[in-house]
Amino acid sequence: MGVGELFNLSGKIAIVTGGSRGIGEEIAIGLGEAGAKVAITARREEWLFPARDELTGRGIECLKVKADVTNPDDVKRFLAETLNLWGRIDILVNNAGITWGAPLEDMPLEKWDAVLNTNAKGNLICSQQVGKEMMKQGGGNIINV
């Protein structure tokens, strides 16, 4: 079996949180180039447009949805839009994340809470909601970055 066959994702549906920039955008491109249809999400819609254009410019079918992974209602809406378009979810990449640069002794607690809410709680919310759908389907893959 060649590499192309080994990593063939034709017919698969992938969600990439934080898919509008950086590592998330590169992951979305990689999944799409392997044949998957890709749904990307980010908190800032202005970042989603260029990412969607990059993916579609490469021939990748892409859905973009503005959503905050720390908001269960946003995640439900994003999941519903993906399912309405493609009918299933095979891959979830929990990539959304934020940072706050400060020395430990100067880290404001509200910024620490924001980092944990996005980087940990956001993964939980997405994994719970998408995971329930994957269980109904009989399987899927969740990748946490």
Protein backbone atom coordinates (compact mmCIF):
# COMPACT_ATOMS: atom_id res chain seq x y z
CA MET A 1 0.00 0.00 0.00
CA GLY A 2 1.40 3.38 -1.01
CA VAL A 3 1.34 6.57 1.02
CA GLY A 4 -1.51 7.98 -1.10
CA GLU A 5 -3.70 4.99 -0.27
CA LEU A 6 -2.64 4.89 3.38
CA PHE A 7 -3.64 8.51 3.97
CA ASN A 8 -6.64 8.65 1.63
CA LEU A 9 -9.52 10.49 3.30
CA SER A 10 -11.83 10.62 0.30
CA GLY A 11 -15.45 10.77 1.42
CA LYS A 12 -14.52 11.73 5.00
CA ILE A 13 -15.81 14.83 6.78
CA ALA A 14 -13.46 16.71 9.10
CA ILE A 15 -13.97 19.57 11.55
CA VAL A 16 -10.97 21.68 12.52
CA THR A 17 -11.48 24.14 15.37
CA GLY A 18 -9.20 27.13 15.16
CA GLY A 19 -8.93 26.28 11.47
CA SER A 20 -8.53 29.82 10.19
CA ARG A 21 -4.83 30.36 10.86
CA GLY A 22 -1.53 28.77 11.77
CA ILE A 23 -1.43 25.09 12.64
CA GLY A 24 -5.21 24.73 12.30
CA GLU A 25 -5.22 26.06 8.76
CA GLU A 26 -2.32 23.77 7.83
CA ILE A 27 -4.14 20.78 9.34
CA ALA A 28 -7.28 21.70 7.39
CA ILE A 29 -5.27 21.93 4.17
CA GLY A 30 -3.60 18.58 4.84
CA LEU A 31 -6.91 16.83 5.54
CA GLY A 32 -8.43 18.42 2.44
CA GLU A 33 -5.50 17.48 0.23
CA ALA A 34 -5.94 13.90 1.47
CA GLY A 35 -9.52 14.04 0.16
CA ALA A 36 -11.64 15.11 3.16
CA LYS A 37 -14.29 17.80 3.09
CA VAL A 38 -13.33 20.27 5.81
CA ALA A 39 -15.37 22.48 8.14
CA ILE A 40 -13.34 25.18 9.88
CA THR A 41 -14.29 27.39 12.78
CA ALA A 42 -12.82 30.42 14.52
CA ARG A 43 -14.00 33.23 16.78
CA ARG A 44 -13.17 35.94 14.24
CA GLU A 45 -15.00 35.79 10.95
CA GLU A 46 -12.47 38.08 9.27
CA TRP A 47 -9.90 35.28 9.67
CA LEU A 48 -12.25 32.64 8.25
CA PHE A 49 -12.71 34.24 4.83
CA PRO A 50 -9.04 34.05 3.75
CA ALA A 51 -8.72 30.51 5.14
CA ARG A 52 -11.82 29.35 3.27
CA ASP A 53 -10.53 31.00 0.10
CA GLU A 54 -7.16 29.26 0.53
CA LEU A 55 -8.80 25.86 0.93
CA THR A 56 -11.29 26.27 -1.91
CA GLY A 57 -8.48 27.64 -4.10
CA ARG A 58 -6.75 24.30 -3.60
CA GLY A 59 -9.89 22.45 -4.67
CA ILE A 60 -10.92 21.52 -1.12
CA GLU A 61 -14.61 21.62 -0.26
CA CYS A 62 -14.80 23.86 2.81
CA LEU A 63 -17.44 25.16 5.20
CA LYS A 64 -16.55 28.10 7.44
CA VAL A 65 -18.53 28.92 10.55
CA LYS A 66 -17.82 31.61 13.13
CA ALA A 67 -18.01 29.93 16.53
CA ASP A 68 -16.42 30.08 19.97
CA VAL A 69 -15.54 26.61 21.28
CA THR A 70 -16.18 27.77 24.85
CA ASN A 71 -19.84 28.42 24.01
CA PRO A 72 -21.90 25.19 23.85
CA ASP A 73 -24.57 26.90 21.72
CA ASP A 74 -21.95 27.96 19.15
CA VAL A 75 -20.59 24.41 19.02
CA LYS A 76 -24.12 22.97 18.57
CA ARG A 77 -24.77 25.41 15.72
CA PHE A 78 -21.43 24.63 14.06
CA LEU A 79 -22.07 20.91 14.37
CA ALA A 80 -25.61 21.30 12.99
CA GLU A 81 -24.39 23.31 9.98
CA THR A 82 -21.76 20.68 9.22
CA LEU A 83 -24.27 17.83 9.52
CA ASN A 84 -26.86 19.70 7.44
CA LEU A 85 -24.33 20.13 4.64
CA TRP A 86 -22.56 16.77 4.69
CA GLY A 87 -24.60 14.44 6.93
CA ARG A 88 -21.81 13.10 9.13
CA ILE A 89 -18.53 13.86 10.93
CA ASP A 90 -15.60 11.47 10.71
CA ILE A 91 -12.77 13.55 12.17
CA LEU A 92 -12.66 16.25 14.84
CA VAL A 93 -9.42 18.15 15.32
CA ASN A 94 -9.58 20.14 18.56
CA ASN A 95 -7.03 22.77 17.64
CA ALA A 96 -8.54 26.05 18.91
CA GLY A 97 -6.33 27.64 21.50
CA ILE A 98 -5.22 30.92 22.96
CA THR A 99 -2.23 32.11 24.96
CA TRP A 100 -1.47 34.99 27.26
CA GLY A 101 2.17 35.94 27.57
CA ALA A 102 3.11 36.98 31.09
CA PRO A 103 5.59 35.83 33.71
CA LEU A 104 3.98 33.50 36.23
CA GLU A 105 4.07 36.09 38.99
CA ASP A 106 2.28 38.64 36.78
CA MET A 107 -0.32 36.36 35.14
CA PRO A 108 -3.79 37.88 35.66
CA LEU A 109 -6.19 35.19 36.87
CA GLU A 110 -8.88 36.25 34.38
CA LYS A 111 -6.41 35.70 31.49
CA TRP A 112 -5.41 32.30 32.93
CA ASP A 113 -9.11 31.39 33.12
CA ALA A 114 -9.59 32.45 29.48
CA VAL A 115 -6.67 30.25 28.36
CA LEU A 116 -8.02 27.23 30.27
CA ASN A 117 -11.57 27.82 29.04
CA THR A 118 -10.50 27.75 25.40
CA ASN A 119 -7.69 25.22 25.52
CA ALA A 120 -9.26 22.68 27.90
CA LYS A 121 -12.97 23.36 28.34
CA GLY A 122 -13.39 24.06 24.61
CA ASN A 123 -11.89 20.65 23.80
CA LEU A 124 -14.31 19.00 26.23
CA ILE A 125 -17.38 20.78 24.80
CA CYS A 126 -16.45 19.91 21.21
CA SER A 127 -15.49 16.33 22.05
CA GLN A 128 -18.75 15.74 23.93
CA GLN A 129 -21.01 17.14 21.23
CA VAL A 130 -19.19 15.76 18.20
CA GLY A 131 -18.44 12.51 20.03
CA LYS A 132 -22.16 11.89 20.61
CA GLU A 133 -22.72 12.22 16.87
CA MET A 134 -19.80 9.90 16.13
CA MET A 135 -21.23 7.29 18.52
CA LYS A 136 -24.56 7.42 16.63
CA GLN A 137 -22.63 6.89 13.38
CA GLY A 138 -20.65 3.97 14.79
CA GLY A 139 -17.29 5.72 15.05
CA GLY A 140 -14.98 8.56 14.23
CA ASN A 141 -11.68 10.06 15.29
CA ILE A 142 -10.95 12.90 17.70
CA ILE A 143 -7.51 14.49 17.64
CA ASN A 144 -6.52 16.96 20.36
CA VAL A 145 -3.73 19.40 19.55
